[in-house]
Amino acid sequence: MRIIAFLLVLPAILFAASFSDDFESYTPPVDLGNSSDWFHLDPSGNLLVTEEAGNNFVESEWDGNEAIAYLCMGSVILLDGEISSDVKFSGNNTIIGLMTRISASSGECYFGGIFPLYPPIGATVIGHINSSGEYTILSNDYFYPMDEDTWYNISLEVTGTTQVELGLSIDGTVNSSCTDSTYLIQEGFAGLASMYQNAEPMTCYDNFSVVDYGAALTATTFGGIKALFR
């Protein structure tokens, strides 16, 4: 399985990294990438703002692509911190998760997410994604029960530089963790990513947040950043 390559060349950036988005400020069915807080990485499927029972969330529209990826421009840069989101899915052969430390120079990142094996048996995965979109699993574990059309809160924590500590929690409980001494990605962007094989699933996100444990870095403008992605 592959996701799109993140080949980025950016200056360092000065904005506080802590950020949250419950998607309530959007008017359905707008694409999440229309907001200045998010950047839709091309080519990939879409996340469309959806309303259900008075609540807004974002839902996948695959459009022939087997990956969806959005950078969070509202938080901008993260070294040590935690990314979290409520997620739900329907269908098999899908991974729904979060990206952290998406490198401005190489495009590589860390990824943490959940996927159904044989519902209600699921699994968690923490991995490294290289600049070509290929991934290496660093840690994985079983998760039970994992049911369709059910909201779960997932959070991906990252700390450290000489050794990078990663932990993936489900509904507040650590499910999988590892130490990376090989790739050692330093600061980078946060983001959302889903992937599938075979039949198209449904994946949804709500109540996204980034909690920054450290200080902001150096500055540029959003317009300058966005121009480099095109």
C-alpha atoms as a PDB file:
ATOM      1  CA  MET A   1       0.000   0.000   0.000  1.00  0.00           C
ATOM      2  CA  ARG A   2       1.246   3.471  -0.847  1.00  0.00           C
ATOM      3  CA  ILE A   3       0.215   7.038  -0.221  1.00  0.00           C
ATOM      4  CA  ILE A   4       1.224  10.143  -2.130  1.00  0.00           C
ATOM      5  CA  ALA A   5       4.740  11.471  -1.769  1.00  0.00           C
ATOM      6  CA  PHE A   6       5.230  14.618   0.260  1.00  0.00           C
ATOM      7  CA  LEU A   7       8.093  16.367  -1.517  1.00  0.00           C
ATOM      8  CA  LEU A   8       8.149  19.734   0.166  1.00  0.00           C
ATOM      9  CA  VAL A   9      10.674  22.546   0.430  1.00  0.00           C
ATOM     10  CA  LEU A  10       9.635  25.107   3.045  1.00  0.00           C
ATOM     11  CA  PRO A  11      11.250  27.729   5.237  1.00  0.00           C
ATOM     12  CA  ALA A  12      10.912  27.396   8.996  1.00  0.00           C
ATOM     13  CA  ILE A  13       7.692  28.838  10.374  1.00  0.00           C
ATOM     14  CA  LEU A  14       6.620  30.866  13.412  1.00  0.00           C
ATOM     15  CA  PHE A  15       3.105  30.108  14.629  1.00  0.00           C
ATOM     16  CA  ALA A  16       2.024  28.466  17.862  1.00  0.00           C
ATOM     17  CA  ALA A  17       1.417  24.832  16.984  1.00  0.00           C
ATOM     18  CA  SER A  18      -1.577  24.194  19.259  1.00  0.00           C
ATOM     19  CA  PHE A  19      -4.787  24.140  17.227  1.00  0.00           C
ATOM     20  CA  SER A  20      -8.276  22.646  17.167  1.00  0.00           C
ATOM     21  CA  ASP A  21     -11.047  22.305  14.593  1.00  0.00           C
ATOM     22  CA  ASP A  22     -14.513  20.835  15.182  1.00  0.00           C
ATOM     23  CA  PHE A  23     -15.537  21.766  11.596  1.00  0.00           C
ATOM     24  CA  GLU A  24     -18.606  23.655  12.832  1.00  0.00           C
ATOM     25  CA  SER A  25     -17.550  26.878  11.088  1.00  0.00           C
ATOM     26  CA  TYR A  26     -17.851  25.310   7.607  1.00  0.00           C
ATOM     27  CA  THR A  27     -20.927  25.165   5.402  1.00  0.00           C
ATOM     28  CA  PRO A  28     -21.524  21.644   4.027  1.00  0.00           C
ATOM     29  CA  PRO A  29     -20.598  20.253   1.541  1.00  0.00           C
ATOM     30  CA  VAL A  30     -17.466  22.400   1.198  1.00  0.00           C
ATOM     31  CA  ASP A  31     -14.089  20.688   0.735  1.00  0.00           C
ATOM     32  CA  LEU A  32     -11.910  20.992   3.836  1.00  0.00           C
ATOM     33  CA  GLY A  33      -9.073  22.279   1.665  1.00  0.00           C
ATOM     34  CA  ASN A  34     -11.024  25.472   0.972  1.00  0.00           C
ATOM     35  CA  SER A  35     -10.109  26.634   4.475  1.00  0.00           C
ATOM     36  CA  SER A  36      -6.842  28.475   5.120  1.00  0.00           C
ATOM     37  CA  ASP A  37      -6.353  26.110   8.071  1.00  0.00           C
ATOM     38  CA  TRP A  38      -6.013  23.071   5.797  1.00  0.00           C
ATOM     39  CA  PHE A  39      -4.119  22.179   2.641  1.00  0.00           C
ATOM     40  CA  HIS A  40      -5.284  19.383   0.337  1.00  0.00           C
ATOM     41  CA  LEU A  41      -2.309  17.409  -0.970  1.00  0.00           C
ATOM     42  CA  ASP A  42      -2.741  16.540  -4.649  1.00  0.00           C
ATOM     43  CA  PRO A  43      -3.438  14.079  -6.066  1.00  0.00           C
ATOM     44  CA  SER A  44      -5.613  12.458  -3.400  1.00  0.00           C
ATOM     45  CA  GLY A  45      -9.238  11.931  -2.517  1.00  0.00           C
ATOM     46  CA  ASN A  46     -11.260  14.584  -0.755  1.00  0.00           C
ATOM     47  CA  LEU A  47     -12.626  15.338   2.710  1.00  0.00           C
ATOM     48  CA  LEU A  48     -16.011  17.031   2.496  1.00  0.00           C
ATOM     49  CA  VAL A  49     -17.712  18.753   5.407  1.00  0.00           C
ATOM     50  CA  THR A  50     -20.911  16.836   6.247  1.00  0.00           C
ATOM     51  CA  GLU A  51     -23.742  17.640   8.649  1.00  0.00           C
ATOM     52  CA  GLU A  52     -25.600  14.982  10.614  1.00  0.00           C
ATOM     53  CA  ALA A  53     -28.003  15.566  13.499  1.00  0.00           C
ATOM     54  CA  GLY A  54     -26.738  19.114  13.902  1.00  0.00           C
ATOM     55  CA  ASN A  55     -23.057  18.143  14.004  1.00  0.00           C
ATOM     56  CA  ASN A  56     -20.432  18.870  11.340  1.00  0.00           C
ATOM     57  CA  PHE A  57     -17.619  16.437  10.524  1.00  0.00           C
ATOM     58  CA  VAL A  58     -15.571  15.611   7.426  1.00  0.00           C
ATOM     59  CA  GLU A  59     -16.204  12.534   5.291  1.00  0.00           C
ATOM     60  CA  SER A  60     -14.176  10.827   2.575  1.00  0.00           C
ATOM     61  CA  GLU A  61     -14.862  11.200  -1.130  1.00  0.00           C
ATOM     62  CA  TRP A  62     -12.366   8.921  -2.879  1.00  0.00           C
ATOM     63  CA  ASP A  63     -12.873  10.072  -6.472  1.00  0.00           C
ATOM     64  CA  GLY A  64     -10.742   7.247  -7.880  1.00  0.00           C
ATOM     65  CA  ASN A  65      -7.832   7.837  -5.501  1.00  0.00           C
ATOM     66  CA  GLU A  66      -6.816   5.285  -2.875  1.00  0.00           C
ATOM     67  CA  ALA A  67      -5.420   7.871  -0.454  1.00  0.00           C
ATOM     68  CA  ILE A  68      -6.619  11.055   1.203  1.00  0.00           C
ATOM     69  CA  ALA A  69      -4.125  13.494   2.732  1.00  0.00           C
ATOM     70  CA  TYR A  70      -4.549  16.978   4.210  1.00  0.00           C
ATOM     71  CA  LEU A  71      -1.938  19.124   5.936  1.00  0.00           C
ATOM     72  CA  CYS A  72      -3.036  21.186   8.938  1.00  0.00           C
ATOM     73  CA  MET A  73      -1.869  24.742   8.247  1.00  0.00           C
ATOM     74  CA  GLY A  74      -3.545  26.103  11.387  1.00  0.00           C
ATOM     75  CA  SER A  75      -1.028  24.406  13.676  1.00  0.00           C
ATOM     76  CA  VAL A  76       1.792  24.667  11.111  1.00  0.00           C
ATOM     77  CA  ILE A  77       4.878  23.182  12.843  1.00  0.00           C
ATOM     78  CA  LEU A  78       5.251  20.525  15.539  1.00  0.00           C
ATOM     79  CA  LEU A  79       8.238  19.036  17.336  1.00  0.00           C
ATOM     80  CA  ASP A  80       6.967  17.431  20.552  1.00  0.00           C
ATOM     81  CA  GLY A  81       3.224  17.155  20.947  1.00  0.00           C
ATOM     82  CA  GLU A  82       0.030  15.201  20.497  1.00  0.00           C
ATOM     83  CA  ILE A  83      -2.417  15.065  17.583  1.00  0.00           C
ATOM     84  CA  SER A  84      -5.911  13.684  18.136  1.00  0.00           C
ATOM     85  CA  SER A  85      -9.197  13.261  16.320  1.00  0.00           C
ATOM     86  CA  ASP A  86     -12.474  11.410  16.570  1.00  0.00           C
ATOM     87  CA  VAL A  87     -12.725   8.922  13.691  1.00  0.00           C
ATOM     88  CA  LYS A  88     -15.198   6.397  12.334  1.00  0.00           C
ATOM     89  CA  PHE A  89     -15.342   4.098   9.318  1.00  0.00           C
ATOM     90  CA  SER A  90     -17.423   1.605   7.385  1.00  0.00           C
ATOM     91  CA  GLY A  91     -16.034  -1.057   5.083  1.00  0.00           C
ATOM     92  CA  ASN A  92     -12.855  -3.127   5.196  1.00  0.00           C
ATOM     93  CA  ASN A  93      -9.333  -2.716   3.809  1.00  0.00           C
ATOM     94  CA  THR A  94      -8.996   0.821   5.093  1.00  0.00           C
ATOM     95  CA  ILE A  95      -6.650   2.690   7.419  1.00  0.00           C
ATOM     96  CA  ILE A  96      -7.779   5.924   9.025  1.00  0.00           C
ATOM     97  CA  GLY A  97      -5.262   7.959  10.959  1.00  0.00           C
ATOM     98  CA  LEU A  98      -3.023  10.931  11.644  1.00  0.00           C
ATOM     99  CA  MET A  99       0.323  12.170  10.347  1.00  0.00           C
ATOM    100  CA  THR A 100       2.928  13.959  12.451  1.00  0.00           C
ATOM    101  CA  ARG A 101       6.304  15.605  11.801  1.00  0.00           C
ATOM    102  CA  ILE A 102       5.680  15.784   8.054  1.00  0.00           C
ATOM    103  CA  SER A 103       9.141  16.955   7.027  1.00  0.00           C
ATOM    104  CA  ALA A 104       9.470  20.203   5.086  1.00  0.00           C
ATOM    105  CA  SER A 105      12.673  19.006   3.412  1.00  0.00           C
ATOM    106  CA  SER A 106      12.085  15.318   2.634  1.00  0.00           C
ATOM    107  CA  GLY A 107       8.296  14.922   2.801  1.00  0.00           C
ATOM    108  CA  GLU A 108       8.610  11.884   5.072  1.00  0.00           C
ATOM    109  CA  CYS A 109       6.475  11.597   8.218  1.00  0.00           C
ATOM    110  CA  TYR A 110       5.236   9.403  11.028  1.00  0.00           C
ATOM    111  CA  PHE A 111       1.744   7.927  10.805  1.00  0.00           C
ATOM    112  CA  GLY A 112      -0.579   6.391  13.392  1.00  0.00           C
ATOM    113  CA  GLY A 113      -3.997   4.912  12.747  1.00  0.00           C
ATOM    114  CA  ILE A 114      -6.524   2.127  13.112  1.00  0.00           C
ATOM    115  CA  PHE A 115      -7.866  -0.399  10.633  1.00  0.00           C
ATOM    116  CA  PRO A 116     -10.391  -3.253  10.653  1.00  0.00           C
ATOM    117  CA  LEU A 117      -9.059  -6.785  10.365  1.00  0.00           C
ATOM    118  CA  TYR A 118     -12.224  -8.829  10.851  1.00  0.00           C
ATOM    119  CA  PRO A 119     -14.672  -6.502  12.617  1.00  0.00           C
ATOM    120  CA  PRO A 120     -15.142  -6.309  15.511  1.00  0.00           C
ATOM    121  CA  ILE A 121     -11.434  -7.252  15.624  1.00  0.00           C
ATOM    122  CA  GLY A 122      -9.291  -4.315  14.582  1.00  0.00           C
ATOM    123  CA  ALA A 123      -5.677  -3.239  14.786  1.00  0.00           C
ATOM    124  CA  THR A 124      -3.548  -0.179  15.371  1.00  0.00           C
ATOM    125  CA  VAL A 125      -0.409   0.775  13.495  1.00  0.00           C
ATOM    126  CA  ILE A 126       2.425   3.273  13.927  1.00  0.00           C
ATOM    127  CA  GLY A 127       4.641   3.680  10.891  1.00  0.00           C
ATOM    128  CA  HIS A 128       7.154   5.728   8.943  1.00  0.00           C
ATOM    129  CA  ILE A 129       6.206   6.986   5.467  1.00  0.00           C
ATOM    130  CA  ASN A 130       9.099   7.859   3.147  1.00  0.00           C
ATOM    131  CA  SER A 131       9.271  10.518   0.437  1.00  0.00           C
ATOM    132  CA  SER A 132       7.931   8.064  -2.169  1.00  0.00           C
ATOM    133  CA  GLY A 133       4.841   7.292  -0.098  1.00  0.00           C
ATOM    134  CA  GLU A 134       6.018   3.814   0.952  1.00  0.00           C
ATOM    135  CA  TYR A 135       5.606   2.917   4.616  1.00  0.00           C
ATOM    136  CA  THR A 136       7.419   0.823   7.209  1.00  0.00           C
ATOM    137  CA  ILE A 137       5.509  -0.454  10.248  1.00  0.00           C
ATOM    138  CA  LEU A 138       7.229   0.483  13.504  1.00  0.00           C
ATOM    139  CA  SER A 139       4.614  -0.890  15.896  1.00  0.00           C
ATOM    140  CA  ASN A 140       1.206  -2.534  15.720  1.00  0.00           C
ATOM    141  CA  ASP A 141      -1.273  -4.244  18.011  1.00  0.00           C
ATOM    142  CA  TYR A 142      -4.813  -5.611  18.145  1.00  0.00           C
ATOM    143  CA  PHE A 143      -7.749  -3.404  19.057  1.00  0.00           C
ATOM    144  CA  TYR A 144     -11.108  -4.811  20.192  1.00  0.00           C
ATOM    145  CA  PRO A 145     -13.919  -4.101  19.645  1.00  0.00           C
ATOM    146  CA  MET A 146     -13.603  -2.027  16.482  1.00  0.00           C
ATOM    147  CA  ASP A 147     -17.064  -1.568  15.043  1.00  0.00           C
ATOM    148  CA  GLU A 148     -18.306   0.167  11.922  1.00  0.00           C
ATOM    149  CA  ASP A 149     -20.134   3.507  12.208  1.00  0.00           C
ATOM    150  CA  THR A 150     -18.763   4.040  15.732  1.00  0.00           C
ATOM    151  CA  TRP A 151     -16.746   7.085  16.792  1.00  0.00           C
ATOM    152  CA  TYR A 152     -13.348   6.451  18.386  1.00  0.00           C
ATOM    153  CA  ASN A 153     -10.887   9.047  19.613  1.00  0.00           C
ATOM    154  CA  ILE A 154      -7.353   8.366  18.402  1.00  0.00           C
ATOM    155  CA  SER A 155      -4.288  10.324  19.479  1.00  0.00           C
ATOM    156  CA  LEU A 156      -0.702  10.159  18.247  1.00  0.00           C
ATOM    157  CA  GLU A 157       2.003  11.493  20.571  1.00  0.00           C
ATOM    158  CA  VAL A 158       5.557  12.211  19.451  1.00  0.00           C
ATOM    159  CA  THR A 159       8.522  13.349  21.560  1.00  0.00           C
ATOM    160  CA  GLY A 160      12.303  13.351  21.340  1.00  0.00           C
ATOM    161  CA  THR A 161      15.033  14.042  18.801  1.00  0.00           C
ATOM    162  CA  THR A 162      18.005  11.705  19.366  1.00  0.00           C
ATOM    163  CA  GLN A 163      15.420   8.971  19.856  1.00  0.00           C
ATOM    164  CA  VAL A 164      11.820   9.555  18.817  1.00  0.00           C
ATOM    165  CA  GLU A 165       9.122   8.158  21.093  1.00  0.00           C
ATOM    166  CA  LEU A 166       5.721   7.492  19.507  1.00  0.00           C
ATOM    167  CA  GLY A 167       2.502   6.382  21.144  1.00  0.00           C
ATOM    168  CA  LEU A 168      -0.977   5.726  19.744  1.00  0.00           C
ATOM    169  CA  SER A 169      -3.957   5.874  22.110  1.00  0.00           C
ATOM    170  CA  ILE A 170      -7.581   4.872  21.551  1.00  0.00           C
ATOM    171  CA  ASP A 171     -10.198   6.584  23.708  1.00  0.00           C
ATOM    172  CA  GLY A 172      -7.491   7.715  26.130  1.00  0.00           C
ATOM    173  CA  THR A 173      -5.712   4.365  26.548  1.00  0.00           C
ATOM    174  CA  VAL A 174      -2.289   3.698  25.006  1.00  0.00           C
ATOM    175  CA  ASN A 175      -2.646   0.814  22.556  1.00  0.00           C
ATOM    176  CA  SER A 176       0.700   0.826  20.733  1.00  0.00           C
ATOM    177  CA  SER A 177       4.066   2.527  21.286  1.00  0.00           C
ATOM    178  CA  CYS A 178       7.601   2.398  19.944  1.00  0.00           C
ATOM    179  CA  THR A 179      10.995   4.098  19.848  1.00  0.00           C
ATOM    180  CA  ASP A 180      12.446   5.149  16.484  1.00  0.00           C
ATOM    181  CA  SER A 181      16.234   5.309  16.285  1.00  0.00           C
ATOM    182  CA  THR A 182      16.435   4.990  12.487  1.00  0.00           C
ATOM    183  CA  TYR A 183      14.470   7.742  10.735  1.00  0.00           C
ATOM    184  CA  LEU A 184      14.613  10.428  13.445  1.00  0.00           C
ATOM    185  CA  ILE A 185      12.279  12.913  11.766  1.00  0.00           C
ATOM    186  CA  GLN A 186      12.499  16.266  13.505  1.00  0.00           C
ATOM    187  CA  GLU A 187       9.858  19.045  13.464  1.00  0.00           C
ATOM    188  CA  GLY A 188       7.151  19.068  10.831  1.00  0.00           C
ATOM    189  CA  PHE A 189       3.483  19.489   9.961  1.00  0.00           C
ATOM    190  CA  ALA A 190       0.496  17.593  11.343  1.00  0.00           C
ATOM    191  CA  GLY A 191      -2.166  16.115   9.109  1.00  0.00           C
ATOM    192  CA  LEU A 192      -4.967  13.665   8.327  1.00  0.00           C
ATOM    193  CA  ALA A 193      -4.584  10.600   6.124  1.00  0.00           C
ATOM    194  CA  SER A 194      -6.762   7.681   5.060  1.00  0.00           C
ATOM    195  CA  MET A 195      -5.990   4.840   2.650  1.00  0.00           C
ATOM    196  CA  TYR A 196      -7.816   1.848   1.242  1.00  0.00           C
ATOM    197  CA  GLN A 197      -7.497  -1.143  -1.083  1.00  0.00           C
ATOM    198  CA  ASN A 198     -10.235  -2.721  -3.195  1.00  0.00           C
ATOM    199  CA  ALA A 199     -13.780  -1.535  -2.328  1.00  0.00           C
ATOM    200  CA  GLU A 200     -14.134   2.103  -1.289  1.00  0.00           C
ATOM    201  CA  PRO A 201     -14.832   2.553   2.454  1.00  0.00           C
ATOM    202  CA  MET A 202     -16.256   5.517   4.337  1.00  0.00           C
ATOM    203  CA  THR A 203     -13.871   7.337   6.699  1.00  0.00           C
ATOM    204  CA  CYS A 204     -14.774  10.357   8.858  1.00  0.00           C
ATOM    205  CA  TYR A 205     -12.956  12.798  11.153  1.00  0.00           C
ATOM    206  CA  ASP A 206     -14.247  15.167  13.834  1.00  0.00           C
ATOM    207  CA  ASN A 207     -12.826  17.271  16.687  1.00  0.00           C
ATOM    208  CA  PHE A 208      -9.266  17.431  15.392  1.00  0.00           C
ATOM    209  CA  SER A 209      -6.669  18.960  17.717  1.00  0.00           C
ATOM    210  CA  VAL A 210      -2.941  19.543  17.996  1.00  0.00           C
ATOM    211  CA  VAL A 211      -1.333  20.142  21.391  1.00  0.00           C
ATOM    212  CA  ASP A 212       2.172  21.571  21.146  1.00  0.00           C
ATOM    213  CA  TYR A 213       4.573  20.720  23.992  1.00  0.00           C
ATOM    214  CA  GLY A 214       7.224  23.189  22.890  1.00  0.00           C
ATOM    215  CA  ALA A 215       7.833  26.645  21.482  1.00  0.00           C
ATOM    216  CA  ALA A 216       7.080  28.097  18.061  1.00  0.00           C
ATOM    217  CA  LEU A 217       9.845  28.373  15.472  1.00  0.00           C
ATOM    218  CA  THR A 218      10.618  31.104  12.851  1.00  0.00           C
ATOM    219  CA  ALA A 219       8.158  32.922  10.579  1.00  0.00           C
ATOM    220  CA  THR A 220       6.752  33.185   7.081  1.00  0.00           C
ATOM    221  CA  THR A 221       3.318  33.914   5.612  1.00  0.00           C
ATOM    222  CA  PHE A 222       0.569  31.447   4.760  1.00  0.00           C
ATOM    223  CA  GLY A 223       0.517  32.627   1.162  1.00  0.00           C
ATOM    224  CA  GLY A 224       4.218  31.898   0.808  1.00  0.00           C
ATOM    225  CA  ILE A 225       3.784  28.424   2.252  1.00  0.00           C
ATOM    226  CA  LYS A 226       0.820  27.538   0.075  1.00  0.00           C
ATOM    227  CA  ALA A 227       2.564  28.610  -3.129  1.00  0.00           C
ATOM    228  CA  LEU A 228       5.285  26.041  -2.506  1.00  0.00           C
ATOM    229  CA  PHE A 229       2.801  23.167  -2.541  1.00  0.00           C
ATOM    230  CA  ARG A 230       1.520  23.845  -6.050  1.00  0.00           C
END
